[in-house]
């Protein structure tokens, strides 16, 4: 094979690997394993989370990139603050699931949920450790 062809093959292989890993970089959140009193208020997740010394710390985090898309909670741009709370009611957390009843475009309510990804308890503080 020529050097040029090898370069193209290497580039394509690298591009495919980057696409596969970047689409799967959302790590399932595990904060609920070491936190209690987990609650949601609008787009703010709060909890009492264990620190390394065994004591608990009150902490909160603003959820990123979750929107109501025609009555369904969807992960969109992870750099933007979530805005689903403006068109959804009965917002609550069950395990690692954010659940709500959201309005569709026609105004009808729709029960929906989404798995929260990328949030961990880091020494008593809720943090994003991977893209949601």
Protein backbone atom coordinates (compact mmCIF):
# COMPACT_ATOMS: atom_id res chain seq x y z
CA UNK A 1 0.00 0.00 0.00
CA UNK A 2 1.15 3.50 -0.66
CA UNK A 3 1.88 5.89 2.16
CA UNK A 4 -1.00 8.14 1.09
CA UNK A 5 -3.48 5.25 1.20
CA UNK A 6 -2.21 4.15 4.62
CA UNK A 7 -2.67 7.72 5.85
CA UNK A 8 -6.27 7.78 4.59
CA UNK A 9 -7.03 4.40 6.18
CA UNK A 10 -5.51 5.55 9.51
CA UNK A 11 -7.51 8.80 9.38
CA UNK A 12 -10.80 6.99 8.66
CA UNK A 13 -10.18 4.42 11.39
CA UNK A 14 -9.41 7.16 13.92
CA UNK A 15 -12.52 9.14 12.86
CA UNK A 16 -14.75 6.11 13.31
CA UNK A 17 -13.28 5.35 16.74
CA UNK A 18 -13.73 8.97 17.87
CA UNK A 19 -17.36 8.97 16.68
CA UNK A 20 -18.09 5.72 18.52
CA UNK A 21 -16.48 6.79 21.79
CA UNK A 22 -17.85 10.34 21.79
CA UNK A 23 -21.42 9.14 21.28
CA UNK A 24 -21.03 6.72 24.17
CA UNK A 25 -19.21 8.96 26.63
CA UNK A 26 -22.27 9.52 28.82
CA UNK A 27 -21.58 7.53 31.96
CA UNK A 28 -24.57 6.40 34.03
CA UNK A 29 -24.83 8.55 37.14
CA UNK A 30 -24.02 6.79 40.41
CA UNK A 31 -24.54 9.56 43.00
CA UNK A 32 -27.65 7.80 44.34
CA UNK A 33 -25.43 5.02 45.76
CA UNK A 34 -23.75 7.39 48.26
CA UNK A 35 -26.32 10.18 48.63
CA UNK A 36 -29.69 10.39 50.37
CA UNK A 37 -32.49 12.95 50.65
CA UNK A 38 -32.31 13.24 46.85
CA UNK A 39 -34.72 15.84 45.50
CA UNK A 40 -35.37 17.95 42.43
CA UNK A 41 -36.61 21.53 42.33
CA UNK A 42 -37.01 22.84 38.81
CA UNK A 43 -33.70 21.95 37.16
CA UNK A 44 -31.67 21.72 40.39
CA UNK A 45 -30.84 18.28 41.79
CA UNK A 46 -29.99 18.29 45.50
CA UNK A 47 -28.92 15.64 47.97
CA UNK A 48 -27.03 14.90 51.17
CA UNK A 49 -23.90 13.11 49.97
CA UNK A 50 -21.26 11.16 51.86
CA UNK A 51 -17.77 12.58 52.07
CA UNK A 52 -14.64 10.45 52.32
CA UNK A 53 -14.58 11.04 56.10
CA UNK A 54 -18.08 9.51 56.42
CA UNK A 55 -19.87 12.79 57.16
CA UNK A 56 -22.64 14.04 54.90
CA UNK A 57 -22.70 17.28 52.95
CA UNK A 58 -25.73 19.12 51.50
CA UNK A 59 -25.00 19.68 47.82
CA UNK A 60 -26.79 20.56 44.59
CA UNK A 61 -26.15 20.72 40.87
CA UNK A 62 -27.96 22.39 37.97
CA UNK A 63 -28.97 19.81 35.37
CA UNK A 64 -27.59 20.42 31.91
CA UNK A 65 -29.04 19.91 28.45
CA UNK A 66 -32.45 18.42 29.25
CA UNK A 67 -35.38 19.83 27.29
CA UNK A 68 -39.02 19.06 26.68
CA UNK A 69 -39.26 18.11 23.01
CA UNK A 70 -42.95 17.71 22.14
CA UNK A 71 -43.81 16.15 25.50
CA UNK A 72 -40.69 14.02 25.86
CA UNK A 73 -37.65 14.73 28.03
CA UNK A 74 -34.59 14.68 25.76
CA UNK A 75 -30.88 15.26 26.28
CA UNK A 76 -29.83 18.03 23.90
CA UNK A 77 -26.94 20.47 24.25
CA UNK A 78 -24.96 19.53 27.40
CA UNK A 79 -23.45 23.02 27.56
CA UNK A 80 -26.83 24.66 28.18
CA UNK A 81 -28.81 24.82 31.41
CA UNK A 82 -31.89 22.56 31.30
CA UNK A 83 -35.20 24.29 30.61
CA UNK A 84 -37.75 21.45 30.76
CA UNK A 85 -39.18 22.82 34.03
CA UNK A 86 -40.94 25.63 32.15
CA UNK A 87 -43.26 23.22 30.32
CA UNK A 88 -43.34 20.18 32.62
CA UNK A 89 -45.17 19.44 35.91
CA UNK A 90 -44.96 16.74 38.57
CA UNK A 91 -41.18 16.73 38.28
CA UNK A 92 -39.54 14.13 40.52
CA UNK A 93 -36.62 11.72 40.84
CA UNK A 94 -36.92 7.94 41.09
CA UNK A 95 -33.52 6.31 41.43
CA UNK A 96 -31.55 7.65 38.48
CA UNK A 97 -34.63 8.66 36.49
CA UNK A 98 -35.92 12.19 36.12
CA UNK A 99 -39.69 11.89 35.65
CA UNK A 100 -42.25 14.51 34.72
CA UNK A 101 -45.46 15.19 32.86
CA UNK A 102 -44.60 17.47 29.95
CA UNK A 103 -46.77 19.39 27.51
CA UNK A 104 -46.77 18.35 23.89
CA UNK A 105 -46.94 20.98 21.15
CA UNK A 106 -50.72 20.62 21.06
CA UNK A 107 -50.88 21.25 24.84
CA UNK A 108 -51.75 17.71 25.92
CA UNK A 109 -49.82 16.30 28.89
CA UNK A 110 -47.44 13.37 28.41
CA UNK A 111 -45.74 11.33 31.19
CA UNK A 112 -42.04 11.01 30.33
CA UNK A 113 -38.68 10.18 31.90
CA UNK A 114 -34.98 10.33 31.18
CA UNK A 115 -31.96 8.66 32.78
CA UNK A 116 -29.56 11.12 34.37
CA UNK A 117 -26.03 10.57 33.11
CA UNK A 118 -22.63 11.86 34.11
CA UNK A 119 -23.35 12.92 37.72
CA UNK A 120 -21.28 11.53 40.60
CA UNK A 121 -20.68 12.22 44.27
CA UNK A 122 -17.11 13.49 44.57
CA UNK A 123 -16.29 13.72 48.28
CA UNK A 124 -19.73 15.04 49.21
CA UNK A 125 -20.25 17.26 46.16
CA UNK A 126 -22.46 16.46 43.14
CA UNK A 127 -20.40 16.96 39.98
CA UNK A 128 -20.57 16.14 36.29
CA UNK A 129 -17.70 13.75 35.60
CA UNK A 130 -18.68 12.99 32.00
CA UNK A 131 -20.91 14.60 29.45
CA UNK A 132 -24.61 14.03 30.23
